[in-house]
Amino acid sequence: MTSARGAVRAGVLTAALAALLCTTATTVSAASTESPSPQPAAVQADVPAGVTAGVAVFDRQTGTFTEQVNSAAQFRSASVVKLLIALDVLWNRSPDTLSATDRARIDTMLRGSDDPAASTFWSNNGSGAIVDRMVTRLGLTDTARPPSTHPGFWGYTALSARDTVKIYRHLLDAAPAATRDYLLGNLRQSTRCATDGYDQHFGIAGSFNRPWAVKQGWSGFSSGGCTAPTTAAAKAADADEAAGEPAGGAAARTSAGADAVDLSRPALHSTGVVGSGDRSIVAVYTLHPSGTSYGKAYTDIGRLTRSLNVPGASRPAGTWIGTWGSGVRVRTQATTESGTITTLPAGVEVLVGCQKRGQQVSQPPYVNDWWAHLPQYGGYITNIYLSVPDNQVPGVPVC
């Protein structure tokens, strides 16, 4: 077999590997049980450089927060507001009373983060009045309808991490059982590829083993890296959350509620419940420097989420490794002839469980017959696209 690593990339990859080993490339053993993590003496959230974050982790078993970082700070919600849209639809009614059409809309809105479905409910049910009603009903303190300059853009609703915890606490502890089971059931079925072609299994979904239920949000990116949308509605949606936000993002900060909400920087949010009995509620809101790629933001929110003290969480085994290239395919087997499961966001960090020899792949000037198994995707990528200096990754077991 010909060596796959030439001098062209050796220096860059060696530096990347050194940085990776210093930050995230340690092997994490999966817990055999979902025992709670110890209470920290202080906040342990590790916010990546350049990232603005709002974080809250609430342990329902003890009734206490284990993490709070800027938890009252307002962020534009992106698709997280779909939780409020769905709760408003079901307020004082059972899911069984929904029409087949509305039920299908809620299903795809929560599982695939479908924007046209959210826009239909937003338009039909009063737009910003939806947010006003839910603020009153749930006692939210940092949540506000979109600014008057953008009334139709539900993605500009202001939300905070601590208010998001309140939303999930209502859903878990106060909402009728039928509503709780229906909405959480949809969040447990979050699809890796959203209907607009974005990989939405970042943050909570990438950091912890199931059981979890998530509602994610993204805004201000040009490409989400997943396989192409399959529906006409999804193809019509743009990369900035369709009617949730103007194409390309706004160019300024606009006030929403009491504080100024940043409508410009790329936003990536991960919210949901984690662990047996939905023990922990996790809300992670992030803003990234202008021009940040989706893969970089995806990696940064993953590192932040993995650093958190989340009682009841079980963490997947493997080694986190950066990738390079765009449109990298995850395949069912270690061959280029096998089926494509999805594609990776460009430059994203992935969890590698093991590696094996398979078909030799040539990507000049590199040649390699080692393939990495990605347990969270259920498939393989050629080791050529791992940001490491050798064909075979040191320290990663053979499959």
Protein backbone atom coordinates (compact mmCIF):
# COMPACT_ATOMS: atom_id res chain seq x y z
CA MET A 1 0.00 0.00 0.00
CA THR A 2 1.27 3.48 -0.87
CA SER A 3 1.70 5.99 1.96
CA ALA A 4 -1.18 8.47 2.08
CA ARG A 5 0.45 11.49 3.67
CA GLY A 6 2.73 13.81 1.73
CA ALA A 7 4.71 16.82 2.79
CA VAL A 8 2.01 19.13 1.38
CA ARG A 9 -0.21 18.56 4.38
CA ALA A 10 2.09 17.10 7.02
CA GLY A 11 2.88 20.30 8.86
CA VAL A 12 -0.73 21.47 8.89
CA LEU A 13 -2.05 18.13 10.03
CA THR A 14 0.58 17.75 12.74
CA ALA A 15 -0.39 21.13 14.17
CA ALA A 16 -4.09 20.26 13.87
CA LEU A 17 -3.50 16.96 15.65
CA ALA A 18 -1.59 18.66 18.46
CA ALA A 19 -4.43 21.12 18.98
CA LEU A 20 -6.96 18.32 18.76
CA LEU A 21 -5.17 16.24 21.37
CA CYS A 22 -5.04 19.22 23.69
CA THR A 23 -8.76 19.84 23.47
CA THR A 24 -11.02 17.02 22.47
CA ALA A 25 -9.40 13.90 21.08
CA THR A 26 -9.46 11.90 24.27
CA THR A 27 -11.27 8.61 24.31
CA VAL A 28 -14.45 8.68 26.35
CA SER A 29 -15.77 5.40 27.69
CA ALA A 30 -19.51 4.96 27.59
CA ALA A 31 -21.04 4.66 31.03
CA SER A 32 -22.55 1.30 31.82
CA THR A 33 -25.32 2.99 33.78
CA GLU A 34 -26.85 6.43 33.76
CA SER A 35 -25.74 7.39 37.24
CA PRO A 36 -25.72 11.10 38.00
CA SER A 37 -22.60 13.17 37.61
CA PRO A 38 -21.25 14.75 40.80
CA GLN A 39 -22.27 18.32 41.58
CA PRO A 40 -19.49 20.68 40.43
CA ALA A 41 -17.83 23.10 42.81
CA ALA A 42 -18.10 25.70 40.04
CA VAL A 43 -19.41 26.01 36.51
CA GLN A 44 -17.38 23.76 34.22
CA ALA A 45 -18.76 24.90 30.86
CA ASP A 46 -15.89 25.29 28.40
CA VAL A 47 -16.94 27.99 25.95
CA PRO A 48 -14.75 27.90 22.79
CA ALA A 49 -12.82 31.02 21.86
CA GLY A 50 -14.86 33.52 19.87
CA VAL A 51 -18.19 31.97 20.84
CA THR A 52 -20.87 33.83 22.79
CA ALA A 53 -22.91 31.34 24.81
CA GLY A 54 -25.94 31.13 27.06
CA VAL A 55 -26.15 27.86 28.98
CA ALA A 56 -28.47 26.27 31.53
CA VAL A 57 -28.56 22.66 32.75
CA PHE A 58 -31.32 21.74 35.21
CA ASP A 59 -31.35 18.49 37.21
CA ARG A 60 -34.99 17.52 37.69
CA GLN A 61 -34.07 14.97 40.34
CA THR A 62 -32.53 17.52 42.71
CA GLY A 63 -34.41 20.56 41.43
CA THR A 64 -31.18 22.49 40.95
CA PHE A 65 -29.10 23.95 38.14
CA THR A 66 -25.75 22.26 37.58
CA GLU A 67 -24.65 24.79 34.94
CA GLN A 68 -25.57 28.42 34.29
CA VAL A 69 -23.60 30.69 31.96
CA ASN A 70 -25.30 33.90 30.82
CA SER A 71 -28.53 31.99 31.30
CA ALA A 72 -30.70 35.14 31.10
CA ALA A 73 -29.06 36.44 27.92
CA GLN A 74 -31.41 36.81 24.96
CA PHE A 75 -30.60 35.09 21.66
CA ARG A 76 -32.61 34.95 18.47
CA SER A 77 -34.37 31.64 18.77
CA ALA A 78 -34.05 30.27 15.24
CA SER A 79 -36.09 27.04 15.22
CA VAL A 80 -36.22 26.59 19.00
CA VAL A 81 -39.34 28.81 18.95
CA LYS A 82 -41.13 25.90 17.26
CA LEU A 83 -41.58 24.51 20.78
CA LEU A 84 -43.75 27.52 21.64
CA ILE A 85 -45.58 27.34 18.32
CA ALA A 86 -46.48 23.68 18.95
CA LEU A 87 -47.50 24.27 22.58
CA ASP A 88 -49.72 27.15 21.50
CA VAL A 89 -51.50 24.95 18.94
CA LEU A 90 -52.19 22.36 21.64
CA TRP A 91 -53.13 24.71 24.46
CA ASN A 92 -56.47 23.54 25.93
CA ARG A 93 -56.84 20.79 23.32
CA SER A 94 -55.69 17.22 22.89
CA PRO A 95 -53.42 16.05 20.08
CA ASP A 96 -56.24 13.66 19.15
CA THR A 97 -58.35 16.63 18.04
CA LEU A 98 -55.80 17.82 15.47
CA SER A 99 -56.66 17.46 11.82
CA ALA A 100 -54.50 15.02 9.91
CA THR A 101 -52.91 17.96 8.11
CA ASP A 102 -52.03 19.87 11.27
CA ARG A 103 -50.73 16.73 12.95
CA ALA A 104 -48.45 16.07 9.99
CA ARG A 105 -47.24 19.67 10.15
CA ILE A 106 -46.34 19.40 13.83
CA ASP A 107 -44.63 16.06 13.25
CA THR A 108 -42.36 17.40 10.52
CA MET A 109 -41.87 20.75 12.28
CA LEU A 110 -40.47 19.03 15.37
CA ARG A 111 -38.72 16.02 13.85
CA GLY A 112 -37.25 17.61 10.73
CA SER A 113 -37.44 21.28 11.85
CA ASP A 114 -39.62 22.02 8.84
CA ASP A 115 -39.90 25.76 8.18
CA PRO A 116 -42.99 25.89 5.94
CA ALA A 117 -44.97 24.08 8.66
CA ALA A 118 -43.86 26.62 11.28
CA SER A 119 -44.69 29.51 8.96
CA THR A 120 -48.21 28.18 8.40
CA PHE A 121 -48.95 28.01 12.14
CA TRP A 122 -47.29 31.41 12.67
CA SER A 123 -49.46 33.05 10.05
CA ASN A 124 -52.69 31.29 10.99
CA ASN A 125 -52.43 31.73 14.77
CA GLY A 126 -51.51 35.37 15.19
CA SER A 127 -47.77 35.58 14.53
CA GLY A 128 -46.16 37.47 17.42
CA ALA A 129 -49.30 37.00 19.53
CA ILE A 130 -48.27 33.34 19.83
CA VAL A 131 -45.16 34.41 21.73
CA ASP A 132 -47.11 36.90 23.85
CA ARG A 133 -49.59 34.21 24.89
CA MET A 134 -46.86 31.73 25.79
CA VAL A 135 -44.92 34.31 27.79
CA THR A 136 -48.00 34.84 29.97
CA ARG A 137 -48.94 31.18 30.21
CA LEU A 138 -45.47 29.93 31.17
CA GLY A 139 -44.21 32.94 33.12
CA LEU A 140 -41.29 33.53 30.78
CA THR A 141 -39.10 36.53 31.63
CA ASP A 142 -36.61 36.84 28.76
CA THR A 143 -38.80 35.81 25.83
CA ALA A 144 -40.21 38.37 23.37
CA ARG A 145 -41.87 38.40 19.97
CA PRO A 146 -39.75 39.33 16.93
CA PRO A 147 -38.92 43.04 16.57
CA SER A 148 -41.44 45.26 14.82
CA THR A 149 -39.06 45.56 11.87
CA HIS A 150 -39.39 41.81 11.19
CA PRO A 151 -42.85 40.72 12.43
CA GLY A 152 -43.11 37.73 10.11
CA PHE A 153 -39.80 36.19 11.05
CA TRP A 154 -40.55 33.73 13.84
CA GLY A 155 -36.82 32.87 14.02
CA TYR A 156 -36.17 36.33 15.48
CA THR A 157 -38.14 35.57 18.64
CA ALA A 158 -35.94 36.32 21.66
CA LEU A 159 -35.24 33.38 23.99
CA SER A 160 -32.83 32.66 26.84
CA ALA A 161 -31.41 29.45 28.24
CA ARG A 162 -33.27 29.80 31.55
CA ASP A 163 -36.60 30.45 29.79
CA THR A 164 -35.99 27.37 27.67
CA VAL A 165 -35.64 25.34 30.86
CA LYS A 166 -39.04 26.72 31.94
CA ILE A 167 -40.57 25.61 28.63
CA TYR A 168 -39.32 22.05 29.06
CA ARG A 169 -40.31 21.98 32.74
CA HIS A 170 -43.86 22.94 31.73
CA LEU A 171 -43.90 20.27 29.05
CA LEU A 172 -42.58 17.59 31.42
CA ASP A 173 -44.35 18.47 34.65
CA ALA A 174 -47.45 20.56 33.91
CA ALA A 175 -48.71 19.86 30.40
CA PRO A 176 -51.42 17.22 29.94
CA ALA A 177 -49.93 13.76 29.54
CA ALA A 178 -51.20 13.43 25.97
CA THR A 179 -49.53 16.70 24.97
CA ARG A 180 -46.30 15.81 26.78
CA ASP A 181 -46.08 12.36 25.21
CA TYR A 182 -46.94 13.59 21.73
CA LEU A 183 -44.51 16.50 21.62
CA LEU A 184 -41.64 14.70 23.36
CA GLY A 185 -42.28 11.68 21.17
CA ASN A 186 -41.62 13.86 18.14
CA LEU A 187 -38.49 15.37 19.68
CA ARG A 188 -37.17 11.86 20.36
CA GLN A 189 -37.51 11.17 16.63
CA SER A 190 -35.37 14.09 15.52
CA THR A 191 -33.96 13.21 12.09
CA ARG A 192 -30.26 13.68 11.42
CA CYS A 193 -30.99 15.62 8.24
CA ALA A 194 -33.52 18.40 8.66
CA THR A 195 -35.91 19.11 5.80
CA ASP A 196 -33.69 22.01 4.66
CA GLY A 197 -30.60 19.80 4.35
CA TYR A 198 -28.89 20.71 7.62
CA ASP A 199 -27.35 18.04 9.88
CA GLN A 200 -29.16 18.75 13.15
CA HIS A 201 -27.58 16.12 15.41
CA PHE A 202 -25.09 18.50 16.99
CA GLY A 203 -24.84 19.53 20.63
CA ILE A 204 -26.98 17.28 22.82
CA ALA A 205 -27.63 14.73 20.08
CA GLY A 206 -23.91 14.34 19.37
CA SER A 207 -22.67 14.48 22.96
CA PHE A 208 -24.88 11.96 24.76
CA ASN A 209 -26.29 8.52 24.16
CA ARG A 210 -30.03 8.12 23.97
CA PRO A 211 -32.46 8.58 25.61
CA TRP A 212 -32.68 12.20 24.63
CA ALA A 213 -35.22 14.47 22.97
CA VAL A 214 -34.04 17.61 21.17
CA LYS A 215 -35.15 20.77 19.43
CA GLN A 216 -32.29 22.46 17.68
CA GLY A 217 -31.90 25.80 15.95
CA TRP A 218 -29.56 27.30 13.34
CA SER A 219 -29.41 30.58 11.48
CA GLY A 220 -26.98 32.48 9.28
CA PHE A 221 -25.13 29.61 7.58
CA SER A 222 -24.87 28.95 3.85
CA SER A 223 -24.78 25.15 3.90
CA GLY A 224 -25.72 22.45 6.39
CA GLY A 225 -23.73 19.56 4.97
CA CYS A 226 -26.43 16.88 5.01
CA THR A 227 -27.77 14.98 2.01
CA ALA A 228 -30.06 17.09 -0.15
CA PRO A 229 -33.66 17.78 0.93
CA THR A 230 -36.16 15.33 -0.52
CA THR A 231 -39.36 17.37 -0.57
CA ALA A 232 -40.38 20.26 -2.77
CA ALA A 233 -41.14 22.35 0.30
CA ALA A 234 -37.70 21.66 1.72
CA LYS A 235 -36.01 22.54 -1.55
CA ALA A 236 -37.86 25.84 -1.57
CA ALA A 237 -36.60 26.74 1.91
CA ASP A 238 -33.41 28.78 1.99
CA ALA A 239 -30.45 28.19 4.25
CA ASP A 240 -31.52 30.84 6.74
CA GLU A 241 -34.62 29.15 8.13
CA ALA A 242 -36.97 30.17 5.28
CA ALA A 243 -39.58 32.57 6.65
CA GLY A 244 -37.86 32.43 10.02
CA GLU A 245 -35.22 34.91 8.85
CA PRO A 246 -34.36 36.97 5.80
CA ALA A 247 -31.99 35.30 3.36
CA GLY A 248 -28.38 35.88 4.30
CA GLY A 249 -29.15 37.08 7.82
CA ALA A 250 -29.69 40.61 9.02
CA ALA A 251 -26.90 43.15 9.03
CA ALA A 252 -27.47 44.76 12.41
CA ARG A 253 -28.52 44.29 16.00
CA THR A 254 -32.19 44.97 16.70
CA SER A 255 -33.95 45.22 20.06
CA ALA A 256 -36.38 42.53 21.14
CA GLY A 257 -37.82 42.93 24.58
CA ALA A 258 -35.52 44.69 27.04
CA ASP A 259 -32.19 43.69 25.52
CA ALA A 260 -30.58 43.96 22.10
CA VAL A 261 -30.75 40.64 20.26
CA ASP A 262 -27.98 39.92 17.77
CA LEU A 263 -29.55 39.18 14.39
CA SER A 264 -26.28 39.11 12.50
CA ARG A 265 -23.80 36.52 13.76
CA PRO A 266 -24.35 32.84 12.88
CA ALA A 267 -26.43 31.13 15.58
CA LEU A 268 -26.48 27.48 16.59
CA HIS A 269 -28.60 26.22 19.50
CA SER A 270 -29.17 22.82 21.12
CA THR A 271 -32.00 22.26 23.60
CA GLY A 272 -33.72 19.22 25.05
CA VAL A 273 -33.89 16.59 27.75
CA VAL A 274 -31.32 13.91 28.52
CA GLY A 275 -31.17 10.66 30.48
CA SER A 276 -33.50 8.09 31.92
CA GLY A 277 -36.75 9.67 33.02
CA ASP A 278 -35.71 12.87 31.20
CA ARG A 279 -33.61 13.71 34.21
CA SER A 280 -31.75 16.74 32.87
CA ILE A 281 -32.95 19.70 30.84
CA VAL A 282 -30.19 21.22 28.71
CA ALA A 283 -30.23 24.54 26.86
CA VAL A 284 -27.16 25.70 24.94
CA TYR A 285 -27.39 28.88 22.85
CA THR A 286 -24.39 30.02 20.80
CA LEU A 287 -23.36 32.85 18.48
CA HIS A 288 -20.27 32.54 16.29
CA PRO A 289 -17.99 35.01 14.52
CA SER A 290 -19.27 36.23 11.15
CA GLY A 291 -18.22 33.89 8.37
CA THR A 292 -17.95 30.82 10.61
CA SER A 293 -18.69 27.66 8.66
CA TYR A 294 -21.43 25.30 9.77
CA GLY A 295 -18.88 22.54 10.42
CA LYS A 296 -16.83 24.80 12.71
CA ALA A 297 -19.89 25.98 14.65
CA TYR A 298 -21.14 22.36 14.85
CA THR A 299 -17.77 21.34 16.31
CA ASP A 300 -17.65 24.22 18.79
CA ILE A 301 -21.15 23.66 20.19
CA GLY A 302 -20.28 19.98 20.48
CA ARG A 303 -17.18 20.72 22.54
CA LEU A 304 -19.14 23.09 24.76
CA THR A 305 -21.97 20.62 25.31
CA ARG A 306 -19.59 17.75 26.08
CA SER A 307 -17.94 19.86 28.78
CA LEU A 308 -21.17 20.30 30.74
CA ASN A 309 -22.18 18.55 33.94
CA VAL A 310 -25.40 16.80 32.82
CA PRO A 311 -26.74 14.46 35.51
CA GLY A 312 -28.08 11.20 34.12
CA ALA A 313 -26.25 11.54 30.81
CA SER A 314 -24.43 8.61 29.22
CA ARG A 315 -21.58 9.58 26.92
CA PRO A 316 -20.66 7.63 23.77
CA ALA A 317 -17.36 5.77 23.51
CA GLY A 318 -14.84 6.81 20.90
CA THR A 319 -12.32 9.46 19.90
CA TRP A 320 -13.29 12.88 18.56
CA ILE A 321 -11.28 13.73 15.45
CA GLY A 322 -11.48 16.64 13.02
CA THR A 323 -12.11 16.17 9.31
CA TRP A 324 -11.23 18.13 6.19
CA GLY A 325 -12.81 18.43 2.77
CA SER A 326 -16.43 19.02 1.80
CA GLY A 327 -19.15 16.60 0.76
CA VAL A 328 -17.40 13.71 2.55
CA ARG A 329 -19.70 10.69 2.28
CA VAL A 330 -20.55 8.38 5.15
CA ARG A 331 -21.03 4.92 3.61
CA THR A 332 -22.68 1.73 4.79
CA GLN A 333 -19.46 -0.27 4.30
CA ALA A 334 -15.74 0.43 3.90
CA THR A 335 -16.00 0.72 0.12
CA THR A 336 -16.84 3.48 -2.33
CA GLU A 337 -19.36 1.17 -4.01
CA SER A 338 -21.49 0.87 -0.87
CA GLY A 339 -24.48 3.10 -0.25
CA THR A 340 -24.24 6.67 1.03
CA ILE A 341 -25.88 7.29 4.41
CA THR A 342 -25.27 11.04 4.41
CA THR A 343 -22.56 13.63 3.89
CA LEU A 344 -20.65 15.49 6.61
CA PRO A 345 -20.70 19.23 7.20
CA ALA A 346 -17.38 20.52 5.87
CA GLY A 347 -14.60 20.31 8.46
CA VAL A 348 -16.77 18.89 11.25
CA GLU A 349 -15.39 16.90 14.17
CA VAL A 350 -16.63 13.30 14.28
CA LEU A 351 -16.65 10.51 16.87
CA VAL A 352 -14.58 7.55 15.64
CA GLY A 353 -15.33 4.23 17.32
CA CYS A 354 -12.88 1.98 15.50
CA GLN A 355 -11.10 1.58 12.17
CA LYS A 356 -10.64 -1.21 9.64
CA ARG A 357 -9.02 -1.92 6.32
CA GLY A 358 -11.29 -1.74 3.30
CA GLN A 359 -11.17 -0.56 -0.26
CA GLN A 360 -8.09 1.48 -1.19
CA VAL A 361 -9.08 5.06 -1.94
CA SER A 362 -7.05 7.61 -3.87
CA GLN A 363 -7.48 11.34 -3.36
CA PRO A 364 -4.28 12.74 -4.89
CA PRO A 365 -1.76 13.09 -3.42
CA TYR A 366 -3.16 10.69 -0.79
CA VAL A 367 -3.86 6.96 -0.94
CA ASN A 368 -5.33 4.97 1.96
CA ASP A 369 -7.15 1.69 2.59
CA TRP A 370 -8.09 2.41 6.22
CA TRP A 371 -11.66 3.41 7.03
CA ALA A 372 -13.10 4.91 10.22
CA HIS A 373 -16.37 3.70 11.70
CA LEU A 374 -18.61 6.52 12.93
CA PRO A 375 -21.04 4.94 15.44
CA GLN A 376 -23.32 7.97 15.57
CA TYR A 377 -23.87 7.74 11.82
CA GLY A 378 -23.81 3.94 11.59
CA GLY A 379 -21.29 4.00 8.73
CA TYR A 380 -17.73 4.57 7.52
CA ILE A 381 -15.58 7.31 6.01
CA THR A 382 -12.18 6.85 4.44
CA ASN A 383 -9.36 7.82 6.80
CA ILE A 384 -8.04 10.15 4.10
CA TYR A 385 -10.42 12.82 5.39
CA LEU A 386 -9.44 12.54 9.06
CA SER A 387 -7.15 15.36 10.22
CA VAL A 388 -4.35 13.08 11.41
CA PRO A 389 -0.87 12.56 9.93
CA ASP A 390 -0.96 8.77 9.50
CA ASN A 391 -3.06 6.35 7.44
CA GLN A 392 -4.05 4.43 10.57
CA VAL A 393 -5.13 6.58 13.50
CA PRO A 394 -2.96 5.96 16.56
CA GLY A 395 -4.89 4.80 19.63
CA VAL A 396 -8.13 3.96 17.79
CA PRO A 397 -8.93 0.21 17.96
CA VAL A 398 -9.34 -2.01 14.94
CA CYS A 399 -12.93 -2.98 14.23
